[in-house]
Protein backbone atom coordinates (compact mmCIF):
# COMPACT_ATOMS: atom_id res chain seq x y z
CA MET A 1 -68.89 -53.85 -5.92
CA ARG A 2 -69.67 -50.79 -2.90
CA THR A 3 -67.47 -53.19 -0.55
CA LEU A 4 -65.02 -52.63 -2.60
CA ALA A 5 -65.07 -48.87 -2.81
CA ILE A 6 -64.77 -48.60 0.56
CA ALA A 7 -62.30 -50.36 0.93
CA ALA A 8 -60.38 -48.90 -1.38
CA LEU A 9 -60.52 -45.09 -0.29
CA ALA A 10 -59.55 -46.79 3.39
CA PHE A 11 -56.72 -46.88 1.79
CA LEU A 12 -55.93 -44.10 -0.60
CA PRO A 13 -54.81 -41.64 2.66
CA LEU A 14 -52.29 -44.22 3.45
CA THR A 15 -51.30 -43.88 -0.72
CA ILE A 16 -50.95 -39.92 -0.35
CA HIS A 17 -48.83 -40.59 3.50
CA ALA A 18 -46.29 -42.45 1.29
CA GLN A 19 -45.91 -40.13 -0.67
CA CYS A 20 -45.46 -36.73 1.38
CA ARG A 21 -41.93 -35.87 1.32
CA ASP A 22 -39.95 -32.89 2.74
CA ALA A 23 -39.61 -29.58 0.13
CA VAL A 24 -36.34 -28.95 -1.06
CA VAL A 25 -34.17 -25.70 -0.70
CA MET A 26 -31.13 -25.15 -2.37
CA VAL A 27 -29.02 -22.08 -1.83
CA HIS A 28 -26.18 -21.00 -4.58
CA GLY A 29 -23.18 -19.33 -3.35
CA ASN A 30 -21.62 -15.74 -3.91
CA THR A 31 -21.76 -13.82 -7.15
CA ASP A 32 -23.36 -17.18 -7.66
CA ASN A 33 -26.87 -17.95 -9.26
CA PRO A 34 -29.70 -21.50 -8.79
CA ASP A 35 -28.52 -22.64 -11.78
CA ARG A 36 -25.39 -24.12 -10.56
CA PHE A 37 -28.09 -27.58 -9.01
CA THR A 38 -29.61 -27.13 -12.53
CA ASP A 39 -27.93 -31.35 -12.40
CA LEU A 40 -28.82 -32.14 -9.17
CA LYS A 41 -32.38 -31.03 -9.30
CA ASN A 42 -33.17 -32.79 -13.05
CA ASP A 43 -31.32 -36.01 -10.78
CA LEU A 44 -34.55 -35.54 -7.45
CA ILE A 45 -37.21 -34.85 -10.42
CA GLN A 46 -36.19 -37.48 -12.71
CA ASN A 47 -35.11 -40.36 -10.66
CA HIS A 48 -37.02 -39.31 -7.48
CA GLY A 49 -40.57 -38.35 -8.29
CA TYR A 50 -39.91 -35.26 -7.33
CA SER A 51 -41.98 -32.24 -8.37
CA GLU A 52 -41.04 -28.65 -9.77
CA GLY A 53 -43.24 -27.62 -6.57
CA GLU A 54 -41.14 -29.10 -4.44
CA ILE A 55 -37.99 -27.89 -5.14
CA PHE A 56 -37.16 -24.19 -3.80
CA LEU A 57 -33.92 -21.89 -5.90
CA PRO A 58 -33.96 -18.23 -4.46
CA SER A 59 -31.49 -15.73 -5.83
CA TRP A 60 -29.38 -13.75 -3.78
CA GLY A 61 -27.10 -10.34 -4.18
CA ARG A 62 -24.88 -9.64 -7.06
CA LYS A 63 -23.90 -12.09 -9.86
CA GLU A 64 -20.37 -10.04 -11.06
CA GLN A 65 -17.65 -11.71 -9.69
CA ASN A 66 -15.18 -8.54 -9.36
CA LEU A 67 -17.38 -7.58 -6.76
CA ALA A 68 -17.60 -10.50 -4.57
CA GLY A 69 -16.65 -9.02 -1.67
CA LEU A 70 -20.03 -6.42 -1.78
CA ASN A 71 -22.18 -9.62 -0.31
CA ASP A 72 -22.62 -10.36 2.89
CA HIS A 73 -25.25 -11.36 5.78
CA ASP A 74 -26.67 -8.18 6.33
CA GLY A 75 -29.97 -7.90 4.74
CA SER A 76 -30.69 -4.67 4.39
CA LYS A 77 -30.27 -2.33 1.01
CA SER A 78 -27.02 -0.66 2.35
CA VAL A 79 -24.58 1.29 0.88
CA VAL A 80 -20.22 1.15 1.72
CA TYR A 81 -17.17 2.68 0.65
CA VAL A 82 -14.66 -0.06 -0.96
CA PRO A 83 -11.37 1.23 -2.01
CA ALA A 84 -12.09 2.70 -5.52
CA LEU A 85 -9.28 -0.04 -7.09
CA ALA A 86 -10.44 -3.29 -5.84
CA PHE A 87 -14.02 -3.36 -7.06
CA PHE A 88 -15.45 -0.96 -10.34
CA ASP A 89 -17.65 -2.14 -13.12
CA ARG A 90 -20.04 -0.29 -15.56
CA ASP A 91 -23.82 -1.27 -13.60
CA GLY A 92 -21.57 -1.29 -10.04
CA TRP A 93 -19.46 1.94 -9.54
CA TRP A 94 -21.04 4.80 -8.48
CA GLY A 95 -19.37 7.73 -6.81
CA ASN A 96 -16.16 7.13 -5.60
CA GLY A 97 -15.57 4.17 -3.91
CA TRP A 98 -18.85 4.01 -2.80
CA PHE A 99 -21.38 1.10 -3.76
CA TYR A 100 -24.98 0.14 -3.38
CA VAL A 101 -24.92 -3.40 -1.64
CA ASP A 102 -28.34 -5.06 -2.15
CA ASP A 103 -30.34 -7.36 0.22
CA GLU A 104 -28.98 -10.70 0.62
CA GLU A 105 -31.28 -12.57 2.88
CA ALA A 106 -35.04 -12.01 1.84
CA PRO A 107 -34.50 -14.53 -1.17
CA VAL A 108 -33.13 -17.23 0.67
CA ARG A 109 -35.78 -16.14 3.42
CA ARG A 110 -39.09 -15.74 1.35
CA ALA A 111 -38.10 -19.34 0.00
CA ILE A 112 -37.89 -20.87 3.04
CA GLU A 113 -41.67 -19.50 4.36
CA ASP A 114 -42.45 -20.46 0.63
CA ALA A 115 -41.20 -24.32 0.70
CA LEU A 116 -42.29 -24.41 4.74
CA ALA A 117 -46.01 -23.40 3.72
CA ALA A 118 -45.87 -25.93 0.34
CA SER A 119 -43.98 -29.51 1.82
CA CYS A 120 -46.88 -32.15 1.70
CA SER A 121 -44.76 -32.89 5.14
CA GLY A 122 -44.54 -29.70 6.67
CA LYS A 123 -40.72 -29.95 6.90
CA ILE A 124 -37.85 -28.95 4.41
CA ASP A 125 -34.01 -30.17 3.68
CA ILE A 126 -31.62 -27.65 2.55
CA VAL A 127 -28.94 -28.04 0.46
CA ALA A 128 -26.38 -24.62 0.84
CA HIS A 129 -23.60 -24.14 -1.39
CA SER A 130 -20.42 -22.09 -0.25
CA MET A 131 -21.80 -18.82 1.24
CA GLY A 132 -25.18 -20.19 0.77
CA ASN A 133 -24.51 -22.75 3.99
CA THR A 134 -24.08 -19.43 6.67
CA LEU A 135 -26.66 -17.38 4.50
CA ALA A 136 -29.33 -19.59 4.31
CA ALA A 137 -28.32 -21.15 8.29
CA LYS A 138 -29.06 -17.12 9.26
CA GLN A 139 -32.78 -17.50 8.05
CA VAL A 140 -33.37 -20.14 9.84
CA ILE A 141 -32.13 -19.60 12.93
CA GLY A 142 -34.16 -16.05 12.62
CA LEU A 143 -36.24 -17.47 11.58
CA GLU A 144 -36.96 -19.72 14.48
CA VAL A 145 -37.61 -22.99 11.98
CA GLY A 146 -34.05 -25.44 12.77
CA HIS A 147 -37.33 -27.71 14.50
CA LEU A 148 -38.54 -27.74 10.76
CA VAL A 149 -35.37 -28.16 8.61
CA GLU A 150 -34.97 -32.16 8.44
CA GLU A 151 -31.92 -32.19 7.12
CA PHE A 152 -29.32 -29.45 6.54
CA VAL A 153 -26.69 -30.73 3.40
CA GLY A 154 -23.76 -27.98 4.19
CA VAL A 155 -21.23 -27.76 0.66
CA ALA A 156 -18.16 -25.74 0.82
CA GLY A 157 -18.90 -23.93 3.66
CA ALA A 158 -17.70 -21.48 6.09
CA PHE A 159 -18.73 -21.81 9.08
CA ARG A 160 -15.96 -20.64 11.01
CA GLY A 161 -14.99 -17.75 8.67
CA LEU A 162 -12.08 -17.46 6.03
CA ASN A 163 -8.66 -17.21 6.28
CA SER A 164 -8.51 -15.12 3.82
CA CYS A 165 -10.25 -12.70 5.91
CA SER A 166 -7.86 -11.54 8.27
CA SER A 167 -5.56 -9.22 6.70
CA ALA A 168 -6.58 -5.90 8.07
CA PHE A 169 -7.49 -4.53 4.83
CA VAL A 170 -10.64 -6.14 4.48
CA THR A 171 -11.33 -6.58 8.51
CA GLY A 172 -10.37 -2.86 8.74
CA MET A 173 -12.59 0.98 9.38
CA PHE A 174 -13.23 0.34 5.17
CA ALA A 175 -13.51 -3.62 5.58
CA VAL A 176 -15.26 -5.57 2.60
CA PRO A 177 -18.05 -6.38 3.20
CA THR A 178 -18.04 -10.17 2.92
CA CYS A 179 -15.09 -10.17 5.03
CA SER A 180 -15.93 -8.32 8.02
CA ALA A 181 -16.37 -9.71 11.48
CA ARG A 182 -20.43 -8.79 11.67
CA ALA A 183 -21.95 -9.67 8.84
CA GLY A 184 -19.82 -11.29 7.03
CA LEU A 185 -16.59 -14.39 6.75
CA ALA A 186 -14.10 -12.91 9.44
CA PRO A 187 -12.56 -16.18 11.16
CA ILE A 188 -14.15 -16.51 14.15
CA ASP A 189 -10.28 -17.69 16.04
CA ARG A 190 -9.35 -14.04 15.76
CA PHE A 191 -12.08 -12.39 15.05
CA ARG A 192 -15.15 -11.76 17.74
CA ASN A 193 -17.57 -12.59 14.10
CA SER A 194 -21.41 -12.22 16.16
CA LEU A 195 -22.85 -13.59 13.13
CA LEU A 196 -20.62 -16.90 12.77
CA GLU A 197 -20.76 -17.15 17.07
CA SER A 198 -24.37 -16.46 16.63
CA ILE A 199 -24.85 -19.64 13.73
CA GLN A 200 -22.99 -21.75 15.67
CA GLU A 201 -24.80 -21.54 18.73
CA GLY A 202 -28.41 -21.85 16.15
CA ASN A 203 -30.63 -24.52 15.40
CA PHE A 204 -30.91 -24.57 12.02
CA GLY A 205 -31.01 -27.82 11.33
CA GLN A 206 -31.89 -31.28 12.46
CA THR A 207 -29.65 -33.16 11.45
CA ARG A 208 -26.75 -31.57 9.69
CA TYR A 209 -24.01 -32.76 7.18
CA ALA A 210 -21.25 -31.40 5.85
CA ILE A 211 -19.48 -32.14 2.25
CA TYR A 212 -15.42 -30.43 1.71
CA SER A 213 -12.07 -30.74 0.39
CA ASN A 214 -9.20 -29.91 1.68
CA ASN A 215 -8.11 -29.26 -1.74
CA ASP A 216 -10.31 -26.00 -2.10
CA GLU A 217 -9.36 -22.87 -3.54
CA ILE A 218 -11.68 -20.47 -2.20
CA ILE A 219 -12.08 -21.82 1.28
CA CYS A 220 -8.62 -23.15 1.93
CA VAL A 221 -6.77 -19.78 1.42
CA ASP A 222 -4.56 -17.56 3.70
CA SER A 223 -4.30 -15.06 4.53
CA ILE A 224 -1.28 -14.08 2.37
CA GLY A 225 -3.41 -15.67 -0.38
CA GLU A 226 -1.49 -19.03 -0.34
CA GLN A 227 -4.18 -21.75 -2.08
CA PRO A 228 -4.98 -23.98 -1.68
CA ALA A 229 -3.42 -25.11 1.65
CA LYS A 230 -4.82 -27.44 3.49
CA ALA A 231 -3.60 -25.52 7.22
CA ALA A 232 -5.93 -22.74 6.11
CA CYS A 233 -8.70 -24.82 5.41
CA ARG A 234 -8.98 -25.05 9.36
CA VAL A 235 -10.04 -22.00 12.04
CA GLY A 236 -8.40 -22.86 14.85
CA ASP A 237 -8.28 -26.92 15.25
CA MET A 238 -11.65 -27.85 12.90
CA HIS A 239 -11.90 -27.25 9.52
CA SER A 240 -14.48 -23.84 8.57
CA SER A 241 -17.03 -25.83 6.73
CA VAL A 242 -17.89 -28.29 9.33
CA MET A 243 -20.70 -26.70 11.22
CA ALA A 244 -21.62 -26.97 14.91
CA GLY A 245 -23.01 -30.18 15.72
CA VAL A 246 -22.12 -31.93 12.88
CA ASP A 247 -23.36 -35.35 11.52
CA ASP A 248 -21.78 -37.23 9.69
CA GLU A 249 -19.04 -35.70 6.87
CA TYR A 250 -18.18 -36.60 3.41
CA VAL A 251 -14.74 -35.43 2.10
CA PHE A 252 -13.51 -35.47 -1.30
CA ASP A 253 -9.97 -34.99 -2.02
CA GLU A 254 -9.15 -36.62 -5.21
CA ILE A 255 -11.54 -34.40 -7.32
CA PRO A 256 -11.31 -33.01 -10.76
CA PRO A 257 -12.15 -29.33 -11.37
CA ASP A 258 -15.41 -28.24 -12.37
CA PRO A 259 -15.22 -28.22 -16.18
CA SER A 260 -17.39 -25.19 -16.61
CA SER A 261 -15.30 -23.42 -14.06
CA PHE A 262 -11.77 -25.19 -13.25
CA SER A 263 -12.62 -24.81 -9.79
CA VAL A 264 -12.90 -27.72 -6.95
CA HIS A 265 -14.81 -25.90 -5.07
CA PHE A 266 -17.89 -25.62 -7.46
CA GLY A 267 -16.29 -29.10 -8.34
CA LEU A 268 -17.73 -30.72 -5.01
CA LEU A 269 -21.76 -29.83 -5.71
CA ARG A 270 -21.02 -32.34 -9.35
CA VAL A 271 -18.72 -34.86 -7.50
CA ALA A 272 -20.67 -35.25 -4.53
CA GLN A 273 -23.89 -35.15 -6.61
CA SER A 274 -25.09 -38.82 -5.31
CA THR A 275 -24.07 -38.13 -2.00
CA ILE A 276 -26.53 -35.05 -1.62
CA VAL A 277 -29.51 -36.59 -3.37
CA ASN A 278 -29.10 -40.23 -0.83
CA LEU A 279 -29.03 -37.58 2.26
CA VAL A 280 -32.14 -35.83 1.03
CA VAL A 281 -34.22 -38.67 -0.37
CA ASP A 282 -33.56 -40.40 2.87
């Protein structure tokens, strides 16, 4: 009996090691919330053995859709001027066109740090949607933990900026923060965007996957608001959702809009769910 017990204990570390996996951080997009990942999270838990403690869902930024232009990648609570007729609501309005901008970066940074601390493998996977892509990438680069991000799965991101951010209004002195060339998504083929250039050059994941659509009504909008326009998806010579150093791309053009929002941009997460799961689990 004693010999059998010792033999069983000898195999125990191997069993524990076999169950060890990366924690997962899921970063939502502009004015969205972590509930966007509910189906994906449940899939990992119910069908692939993940626990609640292995999945991290930061909630960042303002949630009011009419204030989407106020979220950026700045990371500090500040006050900005936006023309009075452009944005207002009873909670967000303050003075004559001045708004408080929340700290978007801190929740994402904490989630990455917490996930690394909790991860059995010491590494993490990141799944990001929309503006969550560049927000997460900036945090990984800033923390210098790119070597600890096993997979970065970017869905409908704007790594090269948005053509819709190229008008004089959104890039001028009174720029909408989301579209600035310092902490926003001004397209890099027209503006010197220090944020996006640093992401292009930085290490934010060992293996990088881009999931996107040429019918995305958020990414594929040109400077005069025409959408979806396939040519508008591209900034320079590449689809904006394709990050530098991409290892593989998955294109979903023939997809129905998300039933809850009638949006291809958000529907992409639902349609690509099995692909995302396979990339994370493998």
